[in-house]
């Protein structure tokens, strides 16, 4: 765009006479310029423009969702897209999430921010918090046939000792169990470890869980003690004792019934197909899942469905 001969351009930034008079009065001039007719309303127009710019900038800042350290508000759309990509449809999104720079964990704005978890240290861990017990070597197993007529191919072995459990040999009545009696389907082993870990976290003063037989490495009959336990889906869990000893209870009055019931409830919630308990234990659960059975006054027999 250029100027042509005969055209008259007006600078829109120049003040009209009445506006100039007001500006000079504010600056200290005592004699404002005379007004020539009604003002064109530039002052009101500029005020409205400034208000629109202020509202627009505020909306932009809100959409960007940026605050200063120690926390940054992450745009909700980005978090939603990332969550849906990783885990499919999510639950109702919170109005705003805050990303904590020290922990790297998002939390709902207005609640207490998360803290970095401290490494666990107890008798089963070293000074650095690393577990001193052997790691689980996971295998993708095949549970063949029925629990009382089957076999196990490429099972996963539960370590004989763990931070939250010990194993019990029902043949020698001693700790630990023989390693070749602790093989199971990886679903069985994973669920048992998850349940006992959550149980101990809920009851930090409770003794470690005593775990009995699962299956042989190749499955098949365990004729010395069991009819079932043949395909890696069964596991024996001994009831916790009131005296905290890591061994089987010999009488029902040695059972800590509150802790035993909590273990039963946790295995049911974890998807156990069957939980057999002793008639005199008083332990209960959903009909058809938790069932009284003979010779189970010292332990519960937990069976998982085929994965």
C-alpha atoms as a PDB file:
ATOM      1  CA  UNK A   1       0.000   0.000   0.000  1.00  0.00           C
ATOM      2  CA  UNK A   2       1.477   3.427  -1.029  1.00  0.00           C
ATOM      3  CA  UNK A   3       0.531   7.086  -1.046  1.00  0.00           C
ATOM      4  CA  UNK A   4      -0.849   8.585  -4.237  1.00  0.00           C
ATOM      5  CA  UNK A   5      -1.081  12.240  -5.264  1.00  0.00           C
ATOM      6  CA  UNK A   6      -4.323  13.813  -4.163  1.00  0.00           C
ATOM      7  CA  UNK A   7      -4.805  11.468  -1.169  1.00  0.00           C
ATOM      8  CA  UNK A   8      -4.923  12.736   2.390  1.00  0.00           C
ATOM      9  CA  UNK A   9      -3.868  10.359   5.128  1.00  0.00           C
ATOM     10  CA  UNK A  10      -4.641  10.920   8.784  1.00  0.00           C
ATOM     11  CA  UNK A  11      -2.488   9.465  11.547  1.00  0.00           C
ATOM     12  CA  UNK A  12      -4.903   7.425  13.711  1.00  0.00           C
ATOM     13  CA  UNK A  13      -2.568   7.753  16.673  1.00  0.00           C
ATOM     14  CA  UNK A  14      -2.993  11.548  16.798  1.00  0.00           C
ATOM     15  CA  UNK A  15      -5.183  12.797  19.602  1.00  0.00           C
ATOM     16  CA  UNK A  16      -8.332  14.684  18.818  1.00  0.00           C
ATOM     17  CA  UNK A  17      -8.614  18.143  20.221  1.00  0.00           C
ATOM     18  CA  UNK A  18     -10.744  17.196  23.246  1.00  0.00           C
ATOM     19  CA  UNK A  19      -8.486  14.232  24.025  1.00  0.00           C
ATOM     20  CA  UNK A  20      -5.387  16.386  23.700  1.00  0.00           C
ATOM     21  CA  UNK A  21      -6.917  18.877  26.071  1.00  0.00           C
ATOM     22  CA  UNK A  22      -7.535  16.190  28.645  1.00  0.00           C
ATOM     23  CA  UNK A  23      -4.012  14.823  28.251  1.00  0.00           C
ATOM     24  CA  UNK A  24      -2.489  18.252  28.770  1.00  0.00           C
ATOM     25  CA  UNK A  25      -4.675  18.864  31.784  1.00  0.00           C
ATOM     26  CA  UNK A  26      -3.439  15.668  33.323  1.00  0.00           C
ATOM     27  CA  UNK A  27       0.140  16.612  32.525  1.00  0.00           C
ATOM     28  CA  UNK A  28      -0.263  19.939  34.338  1.00  0.00           C
ATOM     29  CA  UNK A  29      -1.433  22.329  31.647  1.00  0.00           C
ATOM     30  CA  UNK A  30      -4.035  24.734  32.968  1.00  0.00           C
ATOM     31  CA  UNK A  31      -5.531  25.749  29.628  1.00  0.00           C
ATOM     32  CA  UNK A  32      -6.812  22.798  27.563  1.00  0.00           C
ATOM     33  CA  UNK A  33      -7.356  23.164  23.824  1.00  0.00           C
ATOM     34  CA  UNK A  34     -10.908  24.122  22.908  1.00  0.00           C
ATOM     35  CA  UNK A  35     -13.186  21.318  21.806  1.00  0.00           C
ATOM     36  CA  UNK A  36     -14.559  21.322  18.284  1.00  0.00           C
ATOM     37  CA  UNK A  37     -17.922  19.564  18.410  1.00  0.00           C
ATOM     38  CA  UNK A  38     -18.672  16.169  19.884  1.00  0.00           C
ATOM     39  CA  UNK A  39     -15.663  13.787  20.434  1.00  0.00           C
ATOM     40  CA  UNK A  40     -15.406  10.747  18.129  1.00  0.00           C
ATOM     41  CA  UNK A  41     -15.242   8.388  21.082  1.00  0.00           C
ATOM     42  CA  UNK A  42     -11.649   7.237  20.611  1.00  0.00           C
ATOM     43  CA  UNK A  43     -11.074   7.116  24.336  1.00  0.00           C
ATOM     44  CA  UNK A  44     -13.970   4.716  24.918  1.00  0.00           C
ATOM     45  CA  UNK A  45     -12.933   2.694  21.887  1.00  0.00           C
ATOM     46  CA  UNK A  46      -9.378   2.304  23.172  1.00  0.00           C
ATOM     47  CA  UNK A  47     -10.645   1.313  26.603  1.00  0.00           C
ATOM     48  CA  UNK A  48     -12.772  -1.421  25.044  1.00  0.00           C
ATOM     49  CA  UNK A  49      -9.844  -2.636  22.925  1.00  0.00           C
ATOM     50  CA  UNK A  50      -7.609  -2.817  26.007  1.00  0.00           C
ATOM     51  CA  UNK A  51     -10.257  -4.791  27.900  1.00  0.00           C
ATOM     52  CA  UNK A  52     -10.593  -7.252  24.987  1.00  0.00           C
ATOM     53  CA  UNK A  53      -6.810  -7.679  24.824  1.00  0.00           C
ATOM     54  CA  UNK A  54      -6.669  -8.283  28.591  1.00  0.00           C
ATOM     55  CA  UNK A  55      -9.390 -10.968  28.405  1.00  0.00           C
ATOM     56  CA  UNK A  56      -7.731 -12.602  25.365  1.00  0.00           C
ATOM     57  CA  UNK A  57      -4.331 -12.712  27.070  1.00  0.00           C
ATOM     58  CA  UNK A  58      -5.906 -14.189  30.197  1.00  0.00           C
ATOM     59  CA  UNK A  59      -7.521 -16.954  28.133  1.00  0.00           C
ATOM     60  CA  UNK A  60      -4.195 -17.698  26.452  1.00  0.00           C
ATOM     61  CA  UNK A  61      -2.414 -17.946  29.787  1.00  0.00           C
ATOM     62  CA  UNK A  62      -5.117 -20.244  31.143  1.00  0.00           C
ATOM     63  CA  UNK A  63      -4.918 -22.501  28.078  1.00  0.00           C
ATOM     64  CA  UNK A  64      -1.138 -22.694  28.284  1.00  0.00           C
ATOM     65  CA  UNK A  65      -1.467 -23.713  31.919  1.00  0.00           C
ATOM     66  CA  UNK A  66       2.063 -22.711  32.917  1.00  0.00           C
ATOM     67  CA  UNK A  67       3.097 -21.831  36.460  1.00  0.00           C
ATOM     68  CA  UNK A  68       6.506 -21.297  37.974  1.00  0.00           C
ATOM     69  CA  UNK A  69       8.577 -23.981  39.783  1.00  0.00           C
ATOM     70  CA  UNK A  70       8.486 -26.129  41.939  1.00  0.00           C
ATOM     71  CA  UNK A  71       5.499 -27.393  39.940  1.00  0.00           C
ATOM     72  CA  UNK A  72       4.236 -27.110  36.368  1.00  0.00           C
ATOM     73  CA  UNK A  73       0.599 -27.509  35.340  1.00  0.00           C
ATOM     74  CA  UNK A  74       0.534 -29.844  32.350  1.00  0.00           C
ATOM     75  CA  UNK A  75      -2.020 -29.174  29.590  1.00  0.00           C
ATOM     76  CA  UNK A  76      -4.901 -31.575  30.134  1.00  0.00           C
ATOM     77  CA  UNK A  77      -5.215 -32.453  26.443  1.00  0.00           C
ATOM     78  CA  UNK A  78      -1.615 -33.704  26.284  1.00  0.00           C
ATOM     79  CA  UNK A  79      -2.041 -35.887  29.364  1.00  0.00           C
ATOM     80  CA  UNK A  80      -5.332 -37.270  28.021  1.00  0.00           C
ATOM     81  CA  UNK A  81      -3.744 -38.208  24.694  1.00  0.00           C
ATOM     82  CA  UNK A  82      -0.778 -39.872  26.404  1.00  0.00           C
ATOM     83  CA  UNK A  83      -3.001 -41.848  28.779  1.00  0.00           C
ATOM     84  CA  UNK A  84      -5.336 -43.013  26.031  1.00  0.00           C
ATOM     85  CA  UNK A  85      -2.359 -44.111  23.922  1.00  0.00           C
ATOM     86  CA  UNK A  86      -0.926 -46.128  26.831  1.00  0.00           C
ATOM     87  CA  UNK A  87      -4.046 -47.556  28.482  1.00  0.00           C
ATOM     88  CA  UNK A  88      -7.075 -46.945  26.291  1.00  0.00           C
ATOM     89  CA  UNK A  89     -10.101 -45.019  27.523  1.00  0.00           C
ATOM     90  CA  UNK A  90      -9.481 -43.407  30.881  1.00  0.00           C
ATOM     91  CA  UNK A  91     -11.795 -42.451  33.705  1.00  0.00           C
ATOM     92  CA  UNK A  92     -13.119 -38.936  34.009  1.00  0.00           C
ATOM     93  CA  UNK A  93     -10.227 -36.518  33.753  1.00  0.00           C
ATOM     94  CA  UNK A  94      -9.517 -34.189  36.667  1.00  0.00           C
ATOM     95  CA  UNK A  95      -9.839 -30.485  35.905  1.00  0.00           C
ATOM     96  CA  UNK A  96      -6.108 -29.900  36.308  1.00  0.00           C
ATOM     97  CA  UNK A  97      -3.055 -32.009  36.986  1.00  0.00           C
ATOM     98  CA  UNK A  98       0.222 -30.739  38.372  1.00  0.00           C
ATOM     99  CA  UNK A  99       3.586 -32.301  37.522  1.00  0.00           C
ATOM    100  CA  UNK A 100       5.914 -32.393  40.504  1.00  0.00           C
ATOM    101  CA  UNK A 101       9.452 -31.743  39.307  1.00  0.00           C
ATOM    102  CA  UNK A 102      11.204 -33.595  42.137  1.00  0.00           C
ATOM    103  CA  UNK A 103       9.183 -36.810  41.893  1.00  0.00           C
ATOM    104  CA  UNK A 104       8.048 -36.765  38.269  1.00  0.00           C
ATOM    105  CA  UNK A 105       4.536 -37.792  39.362  1.00  0.00           C
ATOM    106  CA  UNK A 106       1.310 -35.943  38.394  1.00  0.00           C
ATOM    107  CA  UNK A 107      -1.224 -35.203  41.118  1.00  0.00           C
ATOM    108  CA  UNK A 108      -4.626 -33.522  41.332  1.00  0.00           C
ATOM    109  CA  UNK A 109      -4.322 -29.803  41.889  1.00  0.00           C
ATOM    110  CA  UNK A 110      -5.474 -28.761  45.347  1.00  0.00           C
ATOM    111  CA  UNK A 111      -4.327 -31.964  47.059  1.00  0.00           C
ATOM    112  CA  UNK A 112      -1.075 -32.689  48.841  1.00  0.00           C
ATOM    113  CA  UNK A 113       1.746 -33.337  46.330  1.00  0.00           C
ATOM    114  CA  UNK A 114       3.325 -36.818  46.309  1.00  0.00           C
ATOM    115  CA  UNK A 115       6.644 -37.504  47.973  1.00  0.00           C
ATOM    116  CA  UNK A 116       9.459 -39.650  46.679  1.00  0.00           C
ATOM    117  CA  UNK A 117       9.206 -43.164  48.093  1.00  0.00           C
ATOM    118  CA  UNK A 118      12.080 -44.198  50.324  1.00  0.00           C
ATOM    119  CA  UNK A 119      13.739 -47.562  49.629  1.00  0.00           C
ATOM    120  CA  UNK A 120      12.633 -50.267  52.010  1.00  0.00           C
ATOM    121  CA  UNK A 121      15.172 -51.413  54.547  1.00  0.00           C
ATOM    122  CA  UNK A 122      14.627 -54.379  56.855  1.00  0.00           C
ATOM    123  CA  UNK A 123      16.271 -57.665  57.681  1.00  0.00           C
ATOM    124  CA  UNK A 124      15.750 -58.918  54.123  1.00  0.00           C
ATOM    125  CA  UNK A 125      17.344 -55.928  52.384  1.00  0.00           C
ATOM    126  CA  UNK A 126      20.835 -54.528  52.230  1.00  0.00           C
ATOM    127  CA  UNK A 127      22.030 -51.047  53.157  1.00  0.00           C
ATOM    128  CA  UNK A 128      21.126 -49.682  49.710  1.00  0.00           C
ATOM    129  CA  UNK A 129      17.545 -50.995  49.924  1.00  0.00           C
ATOM    130  CA  UNK A 130      18.064 -53.699  47.261  1.00  0.00           C
ATOM    131  CA  UNK A 131      16.449 -57.027  48.066  1.00  0.00           C
ATOM    132  CA  UNK A 132      18.927 -59.614  49.289  1.00  0.00           C
ATOM    133  CA  UNK A 133      16.669 -62.507  48.280  1.00  0.00           C
ATOM    134  CA  UNK A 134      16.932 -64.090  44.816  1.00  0.00           C
ATOM    135  CA  UNK A 135      14.959 -62.619  41.948  1.00  0.00           C
ATOM    136  CA  UNK A 136      12.113 -64.489  40.288  1.00  0.00           C
ATOM    137  CA  UNK A 137      12.998 -65.941  36.883  1.00  0.00           C
ATOM    138  CA  UNK A 138       9.741 -65.681  34.991  1.00  0.00           C
ATOM    139  CA  UNK A 139       8.694 -68.232  32.362  1.00  0.00           C
ATOM    140  CA  UNK A 140       5.581 -68.483  30.256  1.00  0.00           C
ATOM    141  CA  UNK A 141       4.128 -71.766  31.519  1.00  0.00           C
ATOM    142  CA  UNK A 142       1.483 -74.133  30.240  1.00  0.00           C
ATOM    143  CA  UNK A 143      -0.823 -75.724  32.816  1.00  0.00           C
ATOM    144  CA  UNK A 144      -1.905 -79.029  31.319  1.00  0.00           C
ATOM    145  CA  UNK A 145      -4.999 -80.930  32.365  1.00  0.00           C
ATOM    146  CA  UNK A 146      -6.671 -80.607  35.757  1.00  0.00           C
ATOM    147  CA  UNK A 147      -5.220 -79.631  39.146  1.00  0.00           C
ATOM    148  CA  UNK A 148      -5.704 -83.242  40.287  1.00  0.00           C
ATOM    149  CA  UNK A 149      -4.740 -84.846  36.955  1.00  0.00           C
ATOM    150  CA  UNK A 150      -2.281 -82.737  34.999  1.00  0.00           C
ATOM    151  CA  UNK A 151       1.229 -81.454  34.493  1.00  0.00           C
ATOM    152  CA  UNK A 152       3.184 -78.207  34.236  1.00  0.00           C
ATOM    153  CA  UNK A 153       5.410 -77.133  31.363  1.00  0.00           C
ATOM    154  CA  UNK A 154       8.068 -74.424  31.849  1.00  0.00           C
ATOM    155  CA  UNK A 155       6.799 -73.238  35.235  1.00  0.00           C
ATOM    156  CA  UNK A 156       8.095 -70.313  37.314  1.00  0.00           C
ATOM    157  CA  UNK A 157       9.774 -71.072  40.627  1.00  0.00           C
ATOM    158  CA  UNK A 158       8.871 -69.116  43.753  1.00  0.00           C
ATOM    159  CA  UNK A 159      12.069 -68.320  45.691  1.00  0.00           C
ATOM    160  CA  UNK A 160      12.282 -70.239  48.957  1.00  0.00           C
ATOM    161  CA  UNK A 161      12.512 -66.971  50.896  1.00  0.00           C
ATOM    162  CA  UNK A 162      11.356 -63.406  50.278  1.00  0.00           C
ATOM    163  CA  UNK A 163      10.921 -60.070  51.967  1.00  0.00           C
ATOM    164  CA  UNK A 164       7.264 -60.882  52.716  1.00  0.00           C
ATOM    165  CA  UNK A 165       7.199 -64.684  52.825  1.00  0.00           C
ATOM    166  CA  UNK A 166       8.924 -67.869  53.890  1.00  0.00           C
ATOM    167  CA  UNK A 167       8.228 -71.379  52.586  1.00  0.00           C
ATOM    168  CA  UNK A 168       7.225 -74.426  54.603  1.00  0.00           C
ATOM    169  CA  UNK A 169       8.054 -78.056  53.856  1.00  0.00           C
ATOM    170  CA  UNK A 170       5.023 -80.178  54.893  1.00  0.00           C
ATOM    171  CA  UNK A 171       7.068 -83.381  54.693  1.00  0.00           C
ATOM    172  CA  UNK A 172       9.827 -82.359  57.118  1.00  0.00           C
ATOM    173  CA  UNK A 173       7.695 -79.746  58.943  1.00  0.00           C
ATOM    174  CA  UNK A 174      10.430 -77.162  58.636  1.00  0.00           C
ATOM    175  CA  UNK A 175      11.468 -73.934  56.910  1.00  0.00           C
ATOM    176  CA  UNK A 176      12.252 -73.656  54.014  1.00  0.00           C
ATOM    177  CA  UNK A 177      10.448 -75.844  51.514  1.00  0.00           C
ATOM    178  CA  UNK A 178      12.355 -77.760  48.847  1.00  0.00           C
ATOM    179  CA  UNK A 179      12.821 -75.610  45.704  1.00  0.00           C
ATOM    180  CA  UNK A 180      11.426 -78.295  43.386  1.00  0.00           C
ATOM    181  CA  UNK A 181       8.050 -78.141  45.213  1.00  0.00           C
ATOM    182  CA  UNK A 182       7.593 -74.414  44.476  1.00  0.00           C
ATOM    183  CA  UNK A 183       6.909 -74.310  40.732  1.00  0.00           C
ATOM    184  CA  UNK A 184       3.725 -72.785  39.353  1.00  0.00           C
ATOM    185  CA  UNK A 185       2.118 -71.070  36.451  1.00  0.00           C
ATOM    186  CA  UNK A 186       3.524 -67.519  36.239  1.00  0.00           C
ATOM    187  CA  UNK A 187      -0.003 -66.192  36.922  1.00  0.00           C
ATOM    188  CA  UNK A 188      -0.074 -68.155  40.174  1.00  0.00           C
ATOM    189  CA  UNK A 189       3.359 -66.958  41.289  1.00  0.00           C
ATOM    190  CA  UNK A 190       2.682 -63.354  40.334  1.00  0.00           C
ATOM    191  CA  UNK A 191      -0.655 -63.282  42.176  1.00  0.00           C
ATOM    192  CA  UNK A 192       0.754 -64.892  45.325  1.00  0.00           C
ATOM    193  CA  UNK A 193       3.615 -62.385  45.483  1.00  0.00           C
ATOM    194  CA  UNK A 194       1.246 -59.465  44.835  1.00  0.00           C
ATOM    195  CA  UNK A 195      -1.187 -60.557  47.545  1.00  0.00           C
ATOM    196  CA  UNK A 196       1.401 -61.188  50.256  1.00  0.00           C
ATOM    197  CA  UNK A 197       3.202 -57.932  49.424  1.00  0.00           C
ATOM    198  CA  UNK A 198      -0.023 -55.910  49.733  1.00  0.00           C
ATOM    199  CA  UNK A 199      -0.958 -57.819  52.909  1.00  0.00           C
ATOM    200  CA  UNK A 200       2.364 -57.006  54.567  1.00  0.00           C
ATOM    201  CA  UNK A 201       2.122 -53.373  53.497  1.00  0.00           C
ATOM    202  CA  UNK A 202      -1.299 -53.186  55.178  1.00  0.00           C
ATOM    203  CA  UNK A 203      -0.005 -55.002  58.290  1.00  0.00           C
ATOM    204  CA  UNK A 204       3.658 -54.014  58.686  1.00  0.00           C
ATOM    205  CA  UNK A 205       3.847 -55.627  62.147  1.00  0.00           C
ATOM    206  CA  UNK A 206       2.471 -58.958  60.931  1.00  0.00           C
ATOM    207  CA  UNK A 207       4.886 -61.860  60.467  1.00  0.00           C
ATOM    208  CA  UNK A 208       5.863 -62.927  56.979  1.00  0.00           C
ATOM    209  CA  UNK A 209       3.396 -65.199  55.188  1.00  0.00           C
ATOM    210  CA  UNK A 210       4.185 -68.919  55.331  1.00  0.00           C
ATOM    211  CA  UNK A 211       3.739 -70.523  51.902  1.00  0.00           C
ATOM    212  CA  UNK A 212       3.614 -74.297  51.423  1.00  0.00           C
ATOM    213  CA  UNK A 213       3.542 -76.506  48.344  1.00  0.00           C
ATOM    214  CA  UNK A 214       2.691 -75.310  44.828  1.00  0.00           C
ATOM    215  CA  UNK A 215       3.731 -77.957  42.232  1.00  0.00           C
ATOM    216  CA  UNK A 216       6.732 -79.945  41.081  1.00  0.00           C
ATOM    217  CA  UNK A 217       8.809 -78.504  38.238  1.00  0.00           C
ATOM    218  CA  UNK A 218       7.040 -80.701  35.705  1.00  0.00           C
ATOM    219  CA  UNK A 219       3.816 -80.980  37.654  1.00  0.00           C
ATOM    220  CA  UNK A 220       2.195 -84.342  38.194  1.00  0.00           C
ATOM    221  CA  UNK A 221       1.214 -86.137  41.427  1.00  0.00           C
ATOM    222  CA  UNK A 222       2.656 -85.074  44.801  1.00  0.00           C
ATOM    223  CA  UNK A 223       1.686 -88.381  46.348  1.00  0.00           C
ATOM    224  CA  UNK A 224       3.297 -87.751  49.706  1.00  0.00           C
ATOM    225  CA  UNK A 225       0.918 -84.926  50.662  1.00  0.00           C
ATOM    226  CA  UNK A 226      -1.624 -84.019  47.960  1.00  0.00           C
ATOM    227  CA  UNK A 227      -4.102 -85.262  45.426  1.00  0.00           C
ATOM    228  CA  UNK A 228      -4.071 -81.962  43.539  1.00  0.00           C
ATOM    229  CA  UNK A 229      -1.164 -79.475  43.061  1.00  0.00           C
ATOM    230  CA  UNK A 230      -0.399 -81.111  39.695  1.00  0.00           C
ATOM    231  CA  UNK A 231      -0.496 -78.276  37.150  1.00  0.00           C
ATOM    232  CA  UNK A 232       0.815 -75.159  38.914  1.00  0.00           C
ATOM    233  CA  UNK A 233      -2.544 -73.591  39.826  1.00  0.00           C
ATOM    234  CA  UNK A 234      -2.748 -74.625  43.510  1.00  0.00           C
ATOM    235  CA  UNK A 235      -0.860 -73.155  46.468  1.00  0.00           C
ATOM    236  CA  UNK A 236      -1.035 -73.753  50.222  1.00  0.00           C
ATOM    237  CA  UNK A 237      -0.954 -70.701  52.515  1.00  0.00           C
ATOM    238  CA  UNK A 238      -0.545 -71.362  56.238  1.00  0.00           C
ATOM    239  CA  UNK A 239      -2.592 -69.263  58.622  1.00  0.00           C
ATOM    240  CA  UNK A 240      -0.682 -66.539  60.502  1.00  0.00           C
ATOM    241  CA  UNK A 241      -0.092 -67.367  64.146  1.00  0.00           C
ATOM    242  CA  UNK A 242      -0.912 -65.130  67.102  1.00  0.00           C
ATOM    243  CA  UNK A 243       2.612 -65.652  68.450  1.00  0.00           C
ATOM    244  CA  UNK A 244       4.166 -64.592  65.119  1.00  0.00           C
ATOM    245  CA  UNK A 245       6.129 -67.822  64.652  1.00  0.00           C
ATOM    246  CA  UNK A 246       6.913 -68.729  61.047  1.00  0.00           C
ATOM    247  CA  UNK A 247       5.519 -72.252  61.107  1.00  0.00           C
ATOM    248  CA  UNK A 248       2.184 -74.028  60.753  1.00  0.00           C
ATOM    249  CA  UNK A 249      -0.372 -73.589  63.556  1.00  0.00           C
ATOM    250  CA  UNK A 250      -1.024 -76.880  65.327  1.00  0.00           C
ATOM    251  CA  UNK A 251      -4.358 -75.800  66.832  1.00  0.00           C
ATOM    252  CA  UNK A 252      -7.007 -73.326  65.735  1.00  0.00           C
ATOM    253  CA  UNK A 253      -6.527 -71.182  68.850  1.00  0.00           C
ATOM    254  CA  UNK A 254      -2.989 -70.458  67.609  1.00  0.00           C
ATOM    255  CA  UNK A 255      -4.445 -68.797  64.486  1.00  0.00           C
ATOM    256  CA  UNK A 256      -4.633 -65.019  64.257  1.00  0.00           C
ATOM    257  CA  UNK A 257      -8.154 -65.088  62.814  1.00  0.00           C
ATOM    258  CA  UNK A 258      -8.221 -61.377  61.941  1.00  0.00           C
ATOM    259  CA  UNK A 259      -5.100 -61.645  59.800  1.00  0.00           C
ATOM    260  CA  UNK A 260      -6.150 -65.028  58.388  1.00  0.00           C
ATOM    261  CA  UNK A 261      -9.508 -63.625  57.278  1.00  0.00           C
ATOM    262  CA  UNK A 262      -7.755 -60.687  55.638  1.00  0.00           C
ATOM    263  CA  UNK A 263      -5.567 -63.092  53.657  1.00  0.00           C
ATOM    264  CA  UNK A 264      -8.628 -65.060  52.553  1.00  0.00           C
ATOM    265  CA  UNK A 265     -10.349 -61.853  51.429  1.00  0.00           C
ATOM    266  CA  UNK A 266      -7.292 -60.716  49.484  1.00  0.00           C
ATOM    267  CA  UNK A 267      -6.948 -63.987  47.576  1.00  0.00           C
ATOM    268  CA  UNK A 268     -10.658 -63.893  46.732  1.00  0.00           C
ATOM    269  CA  UNK A 269     -10.300 -60.313  45.482  1.00  0.00           C
ATOM    270  CA  UNK A 270      -7.255 -61.364  43.424  1.00  0.00           C
ATOM    271  CA  UNK A 271      -9.381 -63.835  41.464  1.00  0.00           C
ATOM    272  CA  UNK A 272      -8.975 -67.140  43.294  1.00  0.00           C
ATOM    273  CA  UNK A 273     -11.296 -69.783  41.903  1.00  0.00           C
ATOM    274  CA  UNK A 274     -11.385 -71.762  45.147  1.00  0.00           C
ATOM    275  CA  UNK A 275     -10.207 -71.251  48.739  1.00  0.00           C
ATOM    276  CA  UNK A 276     -10.506 -74.279  51.050  1.00  0.00           C
ATOM    277  CA  UNK A 277     -10.437 -73.529  54.803  1.00  0.00           C
ATOM    278  CA  UNK A 278     -10.806 -75.666  57.923  1.00  0.00           C
ATOM    279  CA  UNK A 279     -14.236 -76.323  59.416  1.00  0.00           C
ATOM    280  CA  UNK A 280     -13.206 -75.014  62.835  1.00  0.00           C
ATOM    281  CA  UNK A 281     -11.355 -71.920  61.648  1.00  0.00           C
ATOM    282  CA  UNK A 282     -14.484 -69.762  61.326  1.00  0.00           C
ATOM    283  CA  UNK A 283     -13.127 -68.202  58.124  1.00  0.00           C
ATOM    284  CA  UNK A 284     -15.747 -67.128  55.614  1.00  0.00           C
ATOM    285  CA  UNK A 285     -16.119 -65.822  52.089  1.00  0.00           C
ATOM    286  CA  UNK A 286     -18.293 -65.890  48.967  1.00  0.00           C
ATOM    287  CA  UNK A 287     -20.362 -69.057  48.566  1.00  0.00           C
ATOM    288  CA  UNK A 288     -18.853 -71.434  46.055  1.00  0.00           C
ATOM    289  CA  UNK A 289     -15.397 -69.860  46.427  1.00  0.00           C
ATOM    290  CA  UNK A 290     -14.522 -70.099  50.132  1.00  0.00           C
ATOM    291  CA  UNK A 291     -15.469 -73.594  51.313  1.00  0.00           C
ATOM    292  CA  UNK A 292     -14.844 -75.527  54.557  1.00  0.00           C
ATOM    293  CA  UNK A 293     -12.913 -78.725  53.896  1.00  0.00           C
ATOM    294  CA  UNK A 294     -11.365 -81.506  55.948  1.00  0.00           C
ATOM    295  CA  UNK A 295      -7.663 -81.351  56.902  1.00  0.00           C
ATOM    296  CA  UNK A 296      -7.380 -77.612  56.352  1.00  0.00           C
ATOM    297  CA  UNK A 297      -7.315 -76.366  59.944  1.00  0.00           C
ATOM    298  CA  UNK A 298      -3.680 -75.256  59.615  1.00  0.00           C
ATOM    299  CA  UNK A 299      -3.649 -73.847  56.071  1.00  0.00           C
ATOM    300  CA  UNK A 300      -5.855 -72.547  53.269  1.00  0.00           C
ATOM    301  CA  UNK A 301      -5.713 -74.175  49.876  1.00  0.00           C
ATOM    302  CA  UNK A 302      -5.921 -71.523  47.116  1.00  0.00           C
ATOM    303  CA  UNK A 303      -6.676 -72.505  43.514  1.00  0.00           C
ATOM    304  CA  UNK A 304      -6.473 -70.108  40.567  1.00  0.00           C
ATOM    305  CA  UNK A 305      -8.312 -70.529  37.280  1.00  0.00           C
ATOM    306  CA  UNK A 306      -6.315 -71.411  34.163  1.00  0.00           C
ATOM    307  CA  UNK A 307      -4.896 -68.182  32.717  1.00  0.00           C
END
